[in-house]
């Protein structure tokens, strides 16, 4: 629900700016380009933020695991643990002693939050850059030209 409330004004506003600045005869092309750009931006943004988060988890988790004096992991086990942590899950089982499960859960959650923090910083920088570009971009005269028959 929050995502919908937050994205609604952005998507409507972006469509209005892009299509509203295009000449009437090119409004369909402008709308198609705007839709394509949003789809590509969402896909690339998700991939980049996921990679930023994954890199932080891959860098932080082995050191945190070792610092907590937990049993050493094989590369395959480490990969499984990193996969679980990257989706916010702690790799614990019911058969683990409660103290060990608590330590693994704390490390997992701390590492996940650190990864999300980095991803949010990158997203905030991208949003700030977009806001600056939007503020310095001049409004075109496409709407006026379309209203006067392209003159």
N, C-alpha and C. Protein backbone atom coordinates (compact mmCIF):
# COMPACT_ATOMS: atom_id res chain seq x y z
N UNK A 1 0.83 -1.19 0.00
CA UNK A 1 0.00 0.00 0.00
C UNK A 1 0.88 1.26 0.00
N UNK A 2 1.92 1.25 0.85
CA UNK A 2 2.81 2.41 0.91
C UNK A 2 3.55 2.61 -0.42
N UNK A 3 3.94 1.52 -1.04
CA UNK A 3 4.61 1.63 -2.33
C UNK A 3 3.69 2.28 -3.36
N UNK A 4 2.44 1.86 -3.39
CA UNK A 4 1.47 2.44 -4.32
C UNK A 4 1.24 3.91 -4.05
N UNK A 5 1.11 4.28 -2.78
CA UNK A 5 0.90 5.69 -2.42
C UNK A 5 2.12 6.53 -2.77
N UNK A 6 3.30 5.97 -2.62
CA UNK A 6 4.51 6.74 -2.92
C UNK A 6 4.80 6.86 -4.40
N UNK A 7 4.51 5.80 -5.15
CA UNK A 7 4.82 5.82 -6.58
C UNK A 7 3.76 6.51 -7.42
N UNK A 8 2.53 6.56 -6.96
CA UNK A 8 1.45 7.15 -7.75
C UNK A 8 1.76 8.57 -8.21
N UNK A 9 2.09 9.48 -7.30
CA UNK A 9 2.36 10.85 -7.76
C UNK A 9 3.58 10.93 -8.68
N UNK A 10 4.57 10.09 -8.45
CA UNK A 10 5.77 10.13 -9.28
C UNK A 10 5.44 9.67 -10.69
N UNK A 11 4.72 8.58 -10.81
CA UNK A 11 4.41 8.04 -12.13
C UNK A 11 3.47 8.97 -12.90
N UNK A 12 2.48 9.50 -12.23
CA UNK A 12 1.55 10.42 -12.89
C UNK A 12 2.28 11.70 -13.28
N UNK A 13 3.09 12.22 -12.38
CA UNK A 13 3.84 13.44 -12.66
C UNK A 13 4.83 13.26 -13.80
N UNK A 14 5.53 12.13 -13.81
CA UNK A 14 6.49 11.86 -14.89
C UNK A 14 5.78 11.75 -16.23
N UNK A 15 4.66 11.07 -16.23
CA UNK A 15 3.90 10.93 -17.48
C UNK A 15 3.42 12.29 -17.97
N UNK A 16 2.93 13.12 -17.07
CA UNK A 16 2.44 14.45 -17.44
C UNK A 16 3.57 15.30 -18.02
N UNK A 17 4.73 15.28 -17.38
CA UNK A 17 5.86 16.09 -17.86
C UNK A 17 6.32 15.62 -19.23
N UNK A 18 6.47 14.32 -19.38
CA UNK A 18 7.01 13.79 -20.64
C UNK A 18 6.00 13.91 -21.78
N UNK A 19 4.81 13.41 -21.57
CA UNK A 19 3.80 13.45 -22.64
C UNK A 19 3.31 14.88 -22.86
N UNK A 20 3.20 15.66 -21.79
CA UNK A 20 2.73 17.03 -21.90
C UNK A 20 3.68 17.94 -22.65
N UNK A 21 4.96 17.59 -22.70
CA UNK A 21 5.94 18.40 -23.40
C UNK A 21 6.18 17.93 -24.83
N UNK A 22 5.52 16.87 -25.22
CA UNK A 22 5.69 16.37 -26.58
C UNK A 22 4.63 16.99 -27.49
N UNK A 23 4.97 17.24 -28.74
CA UNK A 23 3.95 17.70 -29.69
C UNK A 23 2.83 16.65 -29.75
N UNK A 24 1.62 17.12 -30.03
CA UNK A 24 0.45 16.24 -30.03
C UNK A 24 0.66 15.04 -30.93
N UNK A 25 1.24 15.25 -32.10
CA UNK A 25 1.42 14.13 -33.03
C UNK A 25 2.44 13.11 -32.54
N UNK A 26 3.26 13.46 -31.54
CA UNK A 26 4.25 12.53 -31.00
C UNK A 26 3.92 12.08 -29.57
N UNK A 27 2.72 12.36 -29.12
CA UNK A 27 2.34 12.00 -27.75
C UNK A 27 2.40 10.49 -27.53
N UNK A 28 2.00 9.70 -28.49
CA UNK A 28 2.06 8.24 -28.37
C UNK A 28 3.49 7.74 -28.26
N UNK A 29 4.37 8.31 -29.07
CA UNK A 29 5.79 7.93 -29.02
C UNK A 29 6.38 8.32 -27.67
N UNK A 30 6.06 9.51 -27.20
CA UNK A 30 6.57 9.97 -25.90
C UNK A 30 6.08 9.06 -24.78
N UNK A 31 4.82 8.68 -24.84
CA UNK A 31 4.26 7.79 -23.82
C UNK A 31 4.95 6.43 -23.85
N UNK A 32 5.19 5.90 -25.04
CA UNK A 32 5.88 4.62 -25.16
C UNK A 32 7.31 4.68 -24.64
N UNK A 33 8.01 5.75 -24.96
CA UNK A 33 9.38 5.91 -24.47
C UNK A 33 9.41 6.06 -22.95
N UNK A 34 8.45 6.80 -22.41
CA UNK A 34 8.38 6.99 -20.97
C UNK A 34 8.10 5.66 -20.28
N UNK A 35 7.20 4.88 -20.81
CA UNK A 35 6.87 3.57 -20.23
C UNK A 35 8.07 2.63 -20.30
N UNK A 36 8.75 2.62 -21.42
CA UNK A 36 9.94 1.78 -21.59
C UNK A 36 11.04 2.20 -20.61
N UNK A 37 11.24 3.50 -20.47
CA UNK A 37 12.27 3.99 -19.55
C UNK A 37 11.94 3.61 -18.11
N UNK A 38 10.67 3.68 -17.73
CA UNK A 38 10.30 3.29 -16.36
C UNK A 38 10.53 1.80 -16.13
N UNK A 39 10.20 0.97 -17.12
CA UNK A 39 10.41 -0.47 -16.98
C UNK A 39 11.90 -0.80 -16.89
N UNK A 40 12.69 -0.20 -17.77
CA UNK A 40 14.14 -0.43 -17.73
C UNK A 40 14.76 0.10 -16.45
N UNK A 41 14.32 1.28 -16.03
CA UNK A 41 14.84 1.86 -14.79
C UNK A 41 14.52 1.00 -13.58
N UNK A 42 13.30 0.48 -13.53
CA UNK A 42 12.93 -0.39 -12.42
C UNK A 42 13.72 -1.68 -12.40
N UNK A 43 13.92 -2.24 -13.58
CA UNK A 43 14.67 -3.50 -13.68
C UNK A 43 16.14 -3.29 -13.33
N UNK A 44 16.75 -2.28 -13.94
CA UNK A 44 18.16 -2.01 -13.66
C UNK A 44 18.36 -1.55 -12.21
N UNK A 45 17.44 -0.75 -11.71
CA UNK A 45 17.54 -0.28 -10.33
C UNK A 45 17.49 -1.44 -9.34
N UNK A 46 16.58 -2.36 -9.57
CA UNK A 46 16.47 -3.53 -8.70
C UNK A 46 17.74 -4.36 -8.77
N UNK A 47 18.27 -4.56 -9.97
CA UNK A 47 19.50 -5.34 -10.13
C UNK A 47 20.68 -4.67 -9.45
N UNK A 48 20.81 -3.37 -9.64
CA UNK A 48 21.95 -2.65 -9.05
C UNK A 48 21.85 -2.65 -7.52
N UNK A 49 20.67 -2.35 -6.99
CA UNK A 49 20.52 -2.33 -5.54
C UNK A 49 20.70 -3.72 -4.94
N UNK A 50 20.24 -4.74 -5.64
CA UNK A 50 20.46 -6.11 -5.18
C UNK A 50 21.94 -6.46 -5.17
N UNK A 51 22.66 -6.02 -6.18
CA UNK A 51 24.10 -6.28 -6.25
C UNK A 51 24.85 -5.53 -5.13
N UNK A 52 24.44 -4.30 -4.86
CA UNK A 52 25.07 -3.53 -3.77
C UNK A 52 24.85 -4.24 -2.44
N UNK A 53 23.62 -4.68 -2.22
CA UNK A 53 23.29 -5.38 -0.98
C UNK A 53 24.06 -6.69 -0.88
N UNK A 54 24.08 -7.44 -1.94
CA UNK A 54 24.77 -8.74 -1.95
C UNK A 54 26.27 -8.57 -1.71
N UNK A 55 26.85 -7.54 -2.30
CA UNK A 55 28.29 -7.29 -2.11
C UNK A 55 28.60 -6.99 -0.65
N UNK A 56 27.75 -6.19 -0.02
CA UNK A 56 27.97 -5.86 1.39
C UNK A 56 27.84 -7.11 2.26
N UNK A 57 26.84 -7.93 1.98
CA UNK A 57 26.64 -9.16 2.75
C UNK A 57 27.82 -10.10 2.54
N UNK A 58 28.26 -10.25 1.30
CA UNK A 58 29.39 -11.14 1.00
C UNK A 58 30.68 -10.68 1.68
N UNK A 59 30.83 -9.38 1.82
CA UNK A 59 32.02 -8.82 2.45
C UNK A 59 31.95 -8.90 3.98
N UNK A 60 30.77 -8.68 4.54
CA UNK A 60 30.63 -8.57 5.99
C UNK A 60 30.38 -9.90 6.69
N UNK A 61 29.62 -10.78 6.08
CA UNK A 61 29.20 -12.01 6.75
C UNK A 61 30.36 -12.92 7.17
N UNK A 62 31.32 -13.23 6.30
CA UNK A 62 32.39 -14.13 6.75
C UNK A 62 33.17 -13.58 7.95
N UNK A 63 33.44 -12.28 7.95
CA UNK A 63 34.17 -11.68 9.07
C UNK A 63 33.35 -11.72 10.35
N UNK A 64 32.07 -11.42 10.25
CA UNK A 64 31.20 -11.45 11.43
C UNK A 64 31.06 -12.88 11.97
N UNK A 65 30.95 -13.82 11.07
CA UNK A 65 30.82 -15.24 11.44
C UNK A 65 32.07 -15.68 12.21
N UNK A 66 33.23 -15.32 11.65
CA UNK A 66 34.50 -15.68 12.28
C UNK A 66 34.68 -14.98 13.63
N UNK A 67 34.32 -13.70 13.69
CA UNK A 67 34.48 -12.94 14.93
C UNK A 67 33.62 -13.48 16.06
N UNK A 68 32.50 -14.13 15.72
CA UNK A 68 31.61 -14.71 16.73
C UNK A 68 32.07 -16.11 17.14
N UNK A 69 33.19 -16.57 16.58
CA UNK A 69 33.75 -17.89 16.88
C UNK A 69 32.78 -19.01 16.55
N UNK A 70 32.06 -18.85 15.44
CA UNK A 70 31.16 -19.89 14.98
C UNK A 70 31.96 -20.91 14.17
N UNK A 71 31.43 -22.12 14.03
CA UNK A 71 32.17 -23.14 13.26
C UNK A 71 32.44 -22.66 11.83
N UNK A 72 33.62 -23.02 11.35
CA UNK A 72 34.01 -22.63 9.98
C UNK A 72 33.05 -23.24 8.97
N UNK A 73 32.82 -22.51 7.89
CA UNK A 73 31.91 -22.97 6.84
C UNK A 73 32.70 -23.32 5.59
N UNK A 74 32.24 -24.34 4.90
CA UNK A 74 32.81 -24.65 3.59
C UNK A 74 32.31 -23.59 2.62
N UNK A 75 32.94 -23.45 1.47
CA UNK A 75 32.44 -22.47 0.50
C UNK A 75 30.96 -22.69 0.13
N UNK A 76 30.55 -23.95 0.01
CA UNK A 76 29.15 -24.24 -0.32
C UNK A 76 28.22 -23.82 0.82
N UNK A 77 28.64 -24.09 2.06
CA UNK A 77 27.82 -23.69 3.21
C UNK A 77 27.75 -22.16 3.31
N UNK A 78 28.88 -21.51 3.08
CA UNK A 78 28.90 -20.05 3.13
C UNK A 78 27.96 -19.47 2.08
N UNK A 79 27.95 -20.05 0.91
CA UNK A 79 27.05 -19.59 -0.15
C UNK A 79 25.59 -19.74 0.27
N UNK A 80 25.25 -20.87 0.90
CA UNK A 80 23.88 -21.08 1.38
C UNK A 80 23.51 -20.08 2.47
N UNK A 81 24.44 -19.83 3.38
CA UNK A 81 24.19 -18.88 4.47
C UNK A 81 24.00 -17.48 3.89
N UNK A 82 24.84 -17.09 2.93
CA UNK A 82 24.72 -15.77 2.31
C UNK A 82 23.40 -15.64 1.56
N UNK A 83 22.96 -16.70 0.90
CA UNK A 83 21.67 -16.66 0.21
C UNK A 83 20.53 -16.45 1.19
N UNK A 84 20.58 -17.13 2.32
CA UNK A 84 19.53 -16.97 3.32
C UNK A 84 19.54 -15.55 3.90
N UNK A 85 20.73 -15.07 4.24
CA UNK A 85 20.84 -13.73 4.84
C UNK A 85 20.42 -12.65 3.85
N UNK A 86 20.69 -12.84 2.56
CA UNK A 86 20.35 -11.82 1.57
C UNK A 86 18.85 -11.63 1.41
N UNK A 87 18.05 -12.58 1.86
CA UNK A 87 16.59 -12.41 1.83
C UNK A 87 16.03 -12.16 3.23
N UNK A 88 16.92 -11.92 4.20
CA UNK A 88 16.49 -11.57 5.54
C UNK A 88 16.22 -12.75 6.46
N UNK A 89 16.65 -13.93 6.07
CA UNK A 89 16.42 -15.12 6.90
C UNK A 89 17.69 -15.50 7.65
N UNK A 90 17.51 -15.98 8.86
CA UNK A 90 18.64 -16.48 9.62
C UNK A 90 18.74 -17.98 9.39
N UNK A 91 19.91 -18.48 9.02
CA UNK A 91 20.06 -19.91 8.72
C UNK A 91 20.16 -20.76 9.98
N UNK A 92 19.09 -20.84 10.72
CA UNK A 92 19.06 -21.64 11.95
C UNK A 92 18.05 -22.78 11.77
N UNK A 93 18.28 -23.83 12.54
CA UNK A 93 17.37 -24.98 12.54
C UNK A 93 16.84 -25.20 13.94
N UNK A 94 15.80 -25.98 14.05
CA UNK A 94 15.21 -26.28 15.37
C UNK A 94 16.16 -27.09 16.24
N UNK A 95 17.05 -27.83 15.62
CA UNK A 95 17.95 -28.68 16.39
C UNK A 95 19.16 -27.93 16.95
N UNK A 96 19.34 -26.67 16.57
CA UNK A 96 20.47 -25.89 17.08
C UNK A 96 20.25 -25.51 18.54
N UNK A 97 21.31 -25.48 19.31
CA UNK A 97 21.17 -24.98 20.69
C UNK A 97 20.71 -23.52 20.65
N UNK A 98 19.85 -23.12 21.59
CA UNK A 98 19.30 -21.76 21.57
C UNK A 98 20.37 -20.66 21.55
N UNK A 99 21.46 -20.83 22.27
CA UNK A 99 22.51 -19.81 22.29
C UNK A 99 23.15 -19.64 20.93
N UNK A 100 23.42 -20.74 20.26
CA UNK A 100 24.01 -20.70 18.92
C UNK A 100 23.03 -20.08 17.93
N UNK A 101 21.76 -20.48 18.02
CA UNK A 101 20.73 -19.93 17.12
C UNK A 101 20.60 -18.42 17.32
N UNK A 102 20.70 -17.96 18.57
CA UNK A 102 20.58 -16.53 18.85
C UNK A 102 21.73 -15.75 18.22
N UNK A 103 22.96 -16.28 18.36
CA UNK A 103 24.14 -15.61 17.80
C UNK A 103 24.04 -15.56 16.27
N UNK A 104 23.67 -16.67 15.65
CA UNK A 104 23.55 -16.72 14.19
C UNK A 104 22.45 -15.76 13.72
N UNK A 105 21.34 -15.72 14.46
CA UNK A 105 20.25 -14.81 14.11
C UNK A 105 20.69 -13.35 14.20
N UNK A 106 21.41 -13.00 15.25
CA UNK A 106 21.90 -11.62 15.41
C UNK A 106 22.85 -11.24 14.28
N UNK A 107 23.79 -12.13 13.98
CA UNK A 107 24.74 -11.86 12.90
C UNK A 107 24.01 -11.72 11.57
N UNK A 108 23.08 -12.63 11.33
CA UNK A 108 22.32 -12.60 10.07
C UNK A 108 21.54 -11.31 9.93
N UNK A 109 20.83 -10.92 10.96
CA UNK A 109 20.02 -9.70 10.89
C UNK A 109 20.88 -8.45 10.78
N UNK A 110 21.98 -8.39 11.55
CA UNK A 110 22.87 -7.24 11.47
C UNK A 110 23.48 -7.10 10.07
N UNK A 111 23.86 -8.23 9.49
CA UNK A 111 24.45 -8.22 8.15
C UNK A 111 23.42 -7.81 7.10
N UNK A 112 22.20 -8.34 7.23
CA UNK A 112 21.12 -7.98 6.31
C UNK A 112 20.83 -6.48 6.37
N UNK A 113 20.73 -5.95 7.58
CA UNK A 113 20.45 -4.52 7.74
C UNK A 113 21.59 -3.68 7.17
N UNK A 114 22.83 -4.10 7.34
CA UNK A 114 23.96 -3.37 6.77
C UNK A 114 23.88 -3.36 5.24
N UNK A 115 23.50 -4.49 4.65
CA UNK A 115 23.33 -4.55 3.21
C UNK A 115 22.20 -3.65 2.73
N UNK A 116 21.08 -3.68 3.44
CA UNK A 116 19.95 -2.81 3.08
C UNK A 116 20.33 -1.34 3.23
N UNK A 117 21.10 -1.03 4.25
CA UNK A 117 21.53 0.35 4.48
C UNK A 117 22.33 0.85 3.27
N UNK A 118 23.26 0.03 2.79
CA UNK A 118 24.04 0.44 1.60
C UNK A 118 23.15 0.61 0.39
N UNK A 119 22.21 -0.32 0.20
CA UNK A 119 21.30 -0.22 -0.95
C UNK A 119 20.45 1.04 -0.85
N UNK A 120 19.98 1.37 0.35
CA UNK A 120 19.18 2.59 0.52
C UNK A 120 20.00 3.84 0.27
N UNK A 121 21.28 3.83 0.65
CA UNK A 121 22.13 4.99 0.36
C UNK A 121 22.29 5.20 -1.14
N UNK A 122 22.49 4.12 -1.87
CA UNK A 122 22.61 4.23 -3.33
C UNK A 122 21.29 4.72 -3.93
N UNK A 123 20.17 4.18 -3.45
CA UNK A 123 18.87 4.61 -3.95
C UNK A 123 18.62 6.08 -3.63
N UNK A 124 19.00 6.51 -2.44
CA UNK A 124 18.83 7.92 -2.07
C UNK A 124 19.67 8.82 -2.96
N UNK A 125 20.90 8.40 -3.26
CA UNK A 125 21.76 9.19 -4.15
C UNK A 125 21.15 9.29 -5.55
N UNK A 126 20.60 8.19 -6.04
CA UNK A 126 19.96 8.20 -7.36
C UNK A 126 18.72 9.10 -7.35
N UNK A 127 17.93 9.04 -6.28
CA UNK A 127 16.75 9.88 -6.18
C UNK A 127 17.13 11.36 -6.11
N UNK A 128 18.17 11.67 -5.37
CA UNK A 128 18.64 13.05 -5.27
C UNK A 128 19.14 13.55 -6.62
N UNK A 129 19.89 12.70 -7.32
CA UNK A 129 20.37 13.08 -8.66
C UNK A 129 19.18 13.32 -9.60
N UNK A 130 18.17 12.47 -9.53
CA UNK A 130 16.98 12.65 -10.36
C UNK A 130 16.25 13.94 -10.02
N UNK A 131 16.17 14.26 -8.72
CA UNK A 131 15.50 15.49 -8.31
C UNK A 131 16.25 16.73 -8.82
N UNK A 132 17.58 16.69 -8.74
CA UNK A 132 18.39 17.81 -9.23
C UNK A 132 18.20 17.97 -10.74
N UNK A 133 18.23 16.86 -11.46
CA UNK A 133 18.02 16.92 -12.91
C UNK A 133 16.64 17.47 -13.23
N UNK A 134 15.64 17.04 -12.48
CA UNK A 134 14.27 17.53 -12.70
C UNK A 134 14.17 19.02 -12.44
N UNK A 135 14.88 19.52 -11.44
CA UNK A 135 14.82 20.95 -11.11
C UNK A 135 15.51 21.82 -12.15
N UNK A 136 16.57 21.30 -12.78
CA UNK A 136 17.30 22.13 -13.73
C UNK A 136 16.84 21.94 -15.17
N UNK A 137 15.97 20.97 -15.39
CA UNK A 137 15.46 20.74 -16.74
C UNK A 137 14.39 21.77 -17.06
N UNK A 138 14.53 22.40 -18.21
CA UNK A 138 13.55 23.40 -18.63
C UNK A 138 12.31 22.72 -19.16
N UNK A 139 11.20 23.36 -18.96
CA UNK A 139 9.95 22.87 -19.53
C UNK A 139 9.98 23.17 -21.02
N UNK A 140 9.69 22.16 -21.81
CA UNK A 140 9.68 22.33 -23.26
C UNK A 140 8.49 23.10 -23.73
N UNK A 141 8.43 23.35 -25.00
CA UNK A 141 7.28 24.06 -25.56
C UNK A 141 6.44 23.16 -26.43
N UNK A 142 6.55 21.82 -26.22
CA UNK A 142 5.81 20.86 -27.01
C UNK A 142 4.31 21.03 -26.87
N UNK A 143 3.84 21.29 -25.67
CA UNK A 143 2.40 21.44 -25.44
C UNK A 143 1.87 22.67 -26.17
N UNK A 144 2.64 23.77 -26.13
CA UNK A 144 2.22 25.00 -26.79
C UNK A 144 2.24 24.83 -28.30
N UNK A 145 3.26 24.15 -28.82
CA UNK A 145 3.36 23.96 -30.26
C UNK A 145 2.21 23.08 -30.75
N UNK A 146 1.86 22.07 -29.98
CA UNK A 146 0.75 21.19 -30.37
C UNK A 146 -0.58 21.93 -30.35
N UNK A 147 -0.75 22.86 -29.42
CA UNK A 147 -2.00 23.59 -29.30
C UNK A 147 -2.19 24.59 -30.44
N UNK A 148 -1.07 25.03 -31.03
CA UNK A 148 -1.15 26.02 -32.11
C UNK A 148 -0.86 25.41 -33.46
N UNK A 149 -1.07 24.10 -33.58
CA UNK A 149 -0.88 23.45 -34.85
C UNK A 149 0.57 23.30 -35.27
N UNK A 150 1.49 23.30 -34.29
CA UNK A 150 2.91 23.09 -34.59
C UNK A 150 3.63 24.33 -35.02
N UNK A 151 3.02 25.54 -34.86
CA UNK A 151 3.67 26.79 -35.28
C UNK A 151 4.56 27.34 -34.23
